[in-house]
Structures are given as C-alpha cells and as structure tokens.
C-alpha cells in the first residue's frame, strides 16, 4: 500500500533532519529529496511482485508482507551499513 502524502512528508523531513544532525551536506534541493521518497514508494508498489518472485516459494507463501519487508530492510541494512 502506497504511503500517503503526509507519510511521504514524514519520511522526507525525518531524512533531512538526520542529514542535518550528522552534518552532511548536499547540493540536492528539498523538492528533489521529497520526489526521491515518493518515487521510491512508487517503485516499491511497482516491484513488489518481482521481490516476492525472488523469494523461495515456501518463504513467499509463509511470510507476511510485513515480514518480507523486514527481511528486505535487514539485508539493505547489512549491505549498505545504514541505520
């Protein structure tokens, strides 16, 4: 399910605050960063089936959408050393 505009704003503002708090600088505009959040949300909707198809059928059948998302987050966290 896609994020609402308010949820997109929450993610966007939280990300900007995190960047500011860690003293990182960027030449990107606020609008570009918000569009990135929105586009990633759309990408997740558009590619959910592809992600599900990448899982072994037994895993896909048993895990809930939230559990699959948690697994994806853990892999991204480990791969990119984020959060």
C-alpha atoms as a PDB file:
ATOM      1  CA  UNK A   1       0.000   0.000   0.000  1.00  0.00           C
ATOM      2  CA  UNK A   2       1.401   3.356  -1.038  1.00  0.00           C
ATOM      3  CA  UNK A   3       2.277   5.989   1.522  1.00  0.00           C
ATOM      4  CA  UNK A   4       0.000   8.961   1.952  1.00  0.00           C
ATOM      5  CA  UNK A   5       1.316  12.428   1.158  1.00  0.00           C
ATOM      6  CA  UNK A   6       1.642  13.058   4.898  1.00  0.00           C
ATOM      7  CA  UNK A   7       3.649   9.866   5.385  1.00  0.00           C
ATOM      8  CA  UNK A   8       5.921  10.815   2.490  1.00  0.00           C
ATOM      9  CA  UNK A   9       6.451  14.187   4.157  1.00  0.00           C
ATOM     10  CA  UNK A  10       7.261  12.437   7.465  1.00  0.00           C
ATOM     11  CA  UNK A  11       9.926  10.274   5.798  1.00  0.00           C
ATOM     12  CA  UNK A  12      11.292  13.228   3.839  1.00  0.00           C
ATOM     13  CA  UNK A  13      11.501  15.518   6.884  1.00  0.00           C
ATOM     14  CA  UNK A  14      12.984  12.769   9.036  1.00  0.00           C
ATOM     15  CA  UNK A  15      15.635  12.067   6.433  1.00  0.00           C
ATOM     16  CA  UNK A  16      16.518  15.749   6.089  1.00  0.00           C
ATOM     17  CA  UNK A  17      16.767  16.064   9.877  1.00  0.00           C
ATOM     18  CA  UNK A  18      19.034  13.019  10.039  1.00  0.00           C
ATOM     19  CA  UNK A  19      21.296  14.527   7.384  1.00  0.00           C
ATOM     20  CA  UNK A  20      21.372  17.859   9.183  1.00  0.00           C
ATOM     21  CA  UNK A  21      22.048  16.275  12.583  1.00  0.00           C
ATOM     22  CA  UNK A  22      25.001  14.328  11.161  1.00  0.00           C
ATOM     23  CA  UNK A  23      26.365  17.499   9.497  1.00  0.00           C
ATOM     24  CA  UNK A  24      26.181  16.026   5.988  1.00  0.00           C
ATOM     25  CA  UNK A  25      25.838  18.472   3.156  1.00  0.00           C
ATOM     26  CA  UNK A  26      24.080  18.033  -0.165  1.00  0.00           C
ATOM     27  CA  UNK A  27      23.505  20.133  -3.237  1.00  0.00           C
ATOM     28  CA  UNK A  28      20.123  18.457  -3.759  1.00  0.00           C
ATOM     29  CA  UNK A  29      17.026  20.583  -3.418  1.00  0.00           C
ATOM     30  CA  UNK A  30      14.361  19.784  -0.849  1.00  0.00           C
ATOM     31  CA  UNK A  31      11.921  19.159  -3.690  1.00  0.00           C
ATOM     32  CA  UNK A  32      14.286  16.628  -5.286  1.00  0.00           C
ATOM     33  CA  UNK A  33      14.663  14.770  -1.998  1.00  0.00           C
ATOM     34  CA  UNK A  34      10.888  14.659  -1.494  1.00  0.00           C
ATOM     35  CA  UNK A  35      10.449  13.399  -5.055  1.00  0.00           C
ATOM     36  CA  UNK A  36      13.010  10.686  -4.329  1.00  0.00           C
ATOM     37  CA  UNK A  37      10.944   9.489  -1.356  1.00  0.00           C
ATOM     38  CA  UNK A  38       7.788   9.498  -3.450  1.00  0.00           C
ATOM     39  CA  UNK A  39       9.460   7.716  -6.366  1.00  0.00           C
ATOM     40  CA  UNK A  40      10.926   5.018  -4.111  1.00  0.00           C
ATOM     41  CA  UNK A  41       7.478   4.463  -2.626  1.00  0.00           C
ATOM     42  CA  UNK A  42       6.070   4.070  -6.142  1.00  0.00           C
ATOM     43  CA  UNK A  43       8.944   1.729  -7.060  1.00  0.00           C
ATOM     44  CA  UNK A  44       8.099  -0.471  -4.079  1.00  0.00           C
ATOM     45  CA  UNK A  45       4.499  -0.727  -5.289  1.00  0.00           C
ATOM     46  CA  UNK A  46       5.542  -1.392  -8.872  1.00  0.00           C
ATOM     47  CA  UNK A  47       8.146  -4.036  -7.978  1.00  0.00           C
ATOM     48  CA  UNK A  48       6.525  -5.890  -5.086  1.00  0.00           C
ATOM     49  CA  UNK A  49       5.673  -8.845  -7.307  1.00  0.00           C
ATOM     50  CA  UNK A  50       9.250  -9.060  -8.564  1.00  0.00           C
ATOM     51  CA  UNK A  51      10.558  -9.064  -4.991  1.00  0.00           C
ATOM     52  CA  UNK A  52       8.060 -11.739  -3.990  1.00  0.00           C
ATOM     53  CA  UNK A  53       9.040 -13.843  -7.028  1.00  0.00           C
ATOM     54  CA  UNK A  54      12.698 -13.679  -5.954  1.00  0.00           C
ATOM     55  CA  UNK A  55      11.869 -15.467  -2.710  1.00  0.00           C
ATOM     56  CA  UNK A  56      11.723 -19.243  -2.492  1.00  0.00           C
ATOM     57  CA  UNK A  57       8.065 -20.241  -2.890  1.00  0.00           C
ATOM     58  CA  UNK A  58       7.944 -21.735   0.617  1.00  0.00           C
ATOM     59  CA  UNK A  59       9.141 -18.443   2.109  1.00  0.00           C
ATOM     60  CA  UNK A  60       6.825 -16.362  -0.058  1.00  0.00           C
ATOM     61  CA  UNK A  61       3.838 -18.461   0.974  1.00  0.00           C
ATOM     62  CA  UNK A  62       4.552 -18.319   4.713  1.00  0.00           C
ATOM     63  CA  UNK A  63       5.881 -14.826   5.415  1.00  0.00           C
ATOM     64  CA  UNK A  64       3.517 -11.870   5.694  1.00  0.00           C
ATOM     65  CA  UNK A  65       4.121  -8.709   3.704  1.00  0.00           C
ATOM     66  CA  UNK A  66       5.492  -7.039   6.854  1.00  0.00           C
ATOM     67  CA  UNK A  67       7.881  -9.940   7.493  1.00  0.00           C
ATOM     68  CA  UNK A  68       9.125  -9.782   3.893  1.00  0.00           C
ATOM     69  CA  UNK A  69       9.658  -6.026   4.283  1.00  0.00           C
ATOM     70  CA  UNK A  70      11.582  -6.628   7.500  1.00  0.00           C
ATOM     71  CA  UNK A  71      13.815  -9.133   5.733  1.00  0.00           C
ATOM     72  CA  UNK A  72      14.438  -6.651   2.909  1.00  0.00           C
ATOM     73  CA  UNK A  73      15.310  -3.930   5.425  1.00  0.00           C
ATOM     74  CA  UNK A  74      17.739  -6.211   7.278  1.00  0.00           C
ATOM     75  CA  UNK A  75      19.508  -7.112   4.043  1.00  0.00           C
ATOM     76  CA  UNK A  76      19.735  -3.465   2.945  1.00  0.00           C
ATOM     77  CA  UNK A  77      20.996  -2.510   6.415  1.00  0.00           C
ATOM     78  CA  UNK A  78      23.738  -5.126   6.315  1.00  0.00           C
ATOM     79  CA  UNK A  79      24.694  -4.489   2.678  1.00  0.00           C
ATOM     80  CA  UNK A  80      24.899  -0.693   2.921  1.00  0.00           C
ATOM     81  CA  UNK A  81      25.640  -0.297   6.651  1.00  0.00           C
ATOM     82  CA  UNK A  82      22.766   2.104   7.197  1.00  0.00           C
ATOM     83  CA  UNK A  83      20.514   2.873  10.149  1.00  0.00           C
END
